Amino acid sequence: DRILECDDEQRIVGIKNLTYNEHFFQGHFPGHAVMHGVLQMEALAQVAGILLNRMFGGEGKISYFAAIDNARFRRPVVPGDQLRLEVDIIKAQPRLSKVHAKAFVEDTLVSEADLMFSSAG
């Protein structure tokens, strides 16, 4: 929903506000709505993509997932949560980059992974 900070070189932080009206909550799981883990990874990847595009002047370019390693899902994310998405660069090159990404609700780590991207454009 919003980028809170970005240094254009190493780190970016964004937020996603989750409401019950999000379409993915409707069927996952009936009577116990949670945000899919894959959507948490996608939210982290989108924030990472903003940082990578800013680093490499990538307007009009797309960063594609190349790998997801060491993914951990530590607690369910539910309607009403605000997801804070923090991404730190591990290795950044124009064609292949790797980041460490973490998602928090308040001060609780809810998911994390190492994400790799290849760029095209």
Protein backbone atom coordinates (compact mmCIF):
# COMPACT_ATOMS: atom_id res chain seq x y z
CA ASP A 1 0.00 0.00 0.00
CA ARG A 2 2.85 2.37 0.77
CA ILE A 3 6.64 2.61 0.92
CA LEU A 4 7.79 3.96 4.29
CA GLU A 5 11.51 4.20 3.62
CA CYS A 6 13.93 3.50 0.81
CA ASP A 7 17.62 4.34 0.64
CA ASP A 8 17.91 3.33 -3.07
CA GLU A 9 20.97 1.19 -2.24
CA GLN A 10 20.45 -1.39 0.48
CA ARG A 11 17.05 -1.33 2.19
CA ILE A 12 13.36 -0.66 1.65
CA VAL A 13 10.36 -0.89 3.97
CA GLY A 14 6.72 -0.95 2.89
CA ILE A 15 3.34 -1.74 4.43
CA LYS A 16 0.25 -3.63 3.35
CA ASN A 17 -2.98 -3.07 5.28
CA LEU A 18 -5.13 -6.18 5.30
CA THR A 19 -8.91 -5.98 5.46
CA TYR A 20 -11.46 -8.75 5.42
CA ASN A 21 -12.53 -7.47 1.98
CA GLU A 22 -9.31 -8.78 0.36
CA HIS A 23 -10.50 -11.36 -2.17
CA PHE A 24 -8.03 -14.02 -1.01
CA PHE A 25 -9.51 -14.09 2.51
CA GLN A 26 -12.87 -15.29 1.17
CA GLY A 27 -11.87 -18.92 0.62
CA HIS A 28 -8.72 -19.37 2.68
CA PHE A 29 -9.85 -20.87 5.05
CA PRO A 30 -13.64 -20.84 5.42
CA GLY A 31 -14.39 -19.57 8.91
CA HIS A 32 -10.71 -18.88 9.62
CA ALA A 33 -9.35 -16.29 7.17
CA VAL A 34 -5.55 -16.19 6.74
CA MET A 35 -3.28 -14.62 4.13
CA HIS A 36 -1.70 -17.27 1.90
CA GLY A 37 2.03 -17.70 2.43
CA VAL A 38 2.61 -17.34 -1.31
CA LEU A 39 0.91 -13.92 -1.22
CA GLN A 40 3.18 -12.87 1.64
CA MET A 41 6.15 -13.80 -0.56
CA GLU A 42 4.60 -11.88 -3.47
CA ALA A 43 4.14 -8.77 -1.31
CA LEU A 44 7.79 -8.99 -0.23
CA ALA A 45 8.86 -9.50 -3.86
CA GLN A 46 6.93 -6.44 -5.02
CA VAL A 47 8.65 -4.28 -2.42
CA ALA A 48 12.02 -5.77 -3.41
CA GLY A 49 11.24 -5.03 -7.07
CA ILE A 50 10.74 -1.36 -6.29
CA LEU A 51 14.17 -1.18 -4.65
CA LEU A 52 15.88 -3.10 -7.47
CA ASN A 53 14.28 -0.90 -10.14
CA ARG A 54 15.38 2.23 -8.30
CA MET A 55 18.92 0.88 -7.90
CA PHE A 56 19.35 -0.01 -11.56
CA GLY A 57 17.22 2.67 -13.24
CA GLY A 58 14.84 -0.05 -14.27
CA GLU A 59 11.80 1.91 -15.32
CA GLY A 60 9.91 -0.36 -17.67
CA LYS A 61 11.88 -3.43 -16.60
CA ILE A 62 10.49 -6.44 -14.77
CA SER A 63 12.21 -8.46 -12.06
CA TYR A 64 11.20 -12.12 -12.21
CA PHE A 65 11.40 -14.59 -9.35
CA ALA A 66 14.42 -16.84 -9.87
CA ALA A 67 14.30 -18.62 -6.49
CA ILE A 68 12.81 -18.57 -3.04
CA ASP A 69 15.08 -20.08 -0.38
CA ASN A 70 14.80 -20.55 3.36
CA ALA A 71 11.13 -19.51 3.49
CA ARG A 72 9.59 -19.64 6.95
CA PHE A 73 6.04 -18.88 7.98
CA ARG A 74 5.92 -18.22 11.70
CA ARG A 75 2.38 -17.07 12.43
CA PRO A 76 -0.88 -16.63 10.52
CA VAL A 77 -1.60 -13.21 9.03
CA VAL A 78 -5.27 -12.31 9.39
CA PRO A 79 -7.70 -9.54 8.42
CA GLY A 80 -6.98 -6.37 10.38
CA ASP A 81 -3.22 -6.94 10.44
CA GLN A 82 -0.80 -4.42 9.00
CA LEU A 83 2.05 -6.21 7.29
CA ARG A 84 5.39 -4.39 7.48
CA LEU A 85 7.61 -5.61 4.63
CA GLU A 86 11.36 -5.17 5.09
CA VAL A 87 13.86 -6.02 2.36
CA ASP A 88 17.65 -5.90 2.59
CA ILE A 89 20.00 -6.46 -0.34
CA ILE A 90 22.34 -9.45 -0.10
CA LYS A 91 23.71 -9.18 -3.65
CA ALA A 92 22.63 -6.72 -6.32
CA GLN A 93 23.57 -6.98 -9.97
CA PRO A 94 21.55 -5.76 -12.95
CA ARG A 95 20.78 -9.29 -14.23
CA LEU A 96 20.61 -11.32 -10.98
CA SER A 97 19.97 -10.09 -7.45
CA LYS A 98 19.33 -11.65 -4.04
CA VAL A 99 17.58 -10.12 -1.03
CA HIS A 100 16.61 -11.14 2.47
CA ALA A 101 12.96 -10.26 3.07
CA LYS A 102 10.98 -10.22 6.30
CA ALA A 103 7.31 -9.57 7.06
CA PHE A 104 6.19 -8.35 10.47
CA VAL A 105 2.87 -7.73 12.18
CA GLU A 106 3.63 -5.14 14.84
CA ASP A 107 6.99 -6.36 16.19
CA THR A 108 6.35 -10.05 15.49
CA LEU A 109 8.17 -11.72 12.60
CA VAL A 110 5.50 -13.61 10.63
CA SER A 111 7.45 -14.74 7.54
CA GLU A 112 10.85 -14.42 5.91
CA ALA A 113 12.83 -15.75 2.95
CA ASP A 114 15.79 -15.18 0.69
CA LEU A 115 14.47 -14.13 -2.72
CA MET A 116 16.39 -14.13 -5.99
CA PHE A 117 15.40 -12.14 -9.07
CA SER A 118 16.46 -12.03 -12.67
CA SER A 119 15.78 -8.85 -14.60
CA ALA A 120 14.43 -8.39 -18.08
CA GLY A 121 13.15 -5.51 -19.99
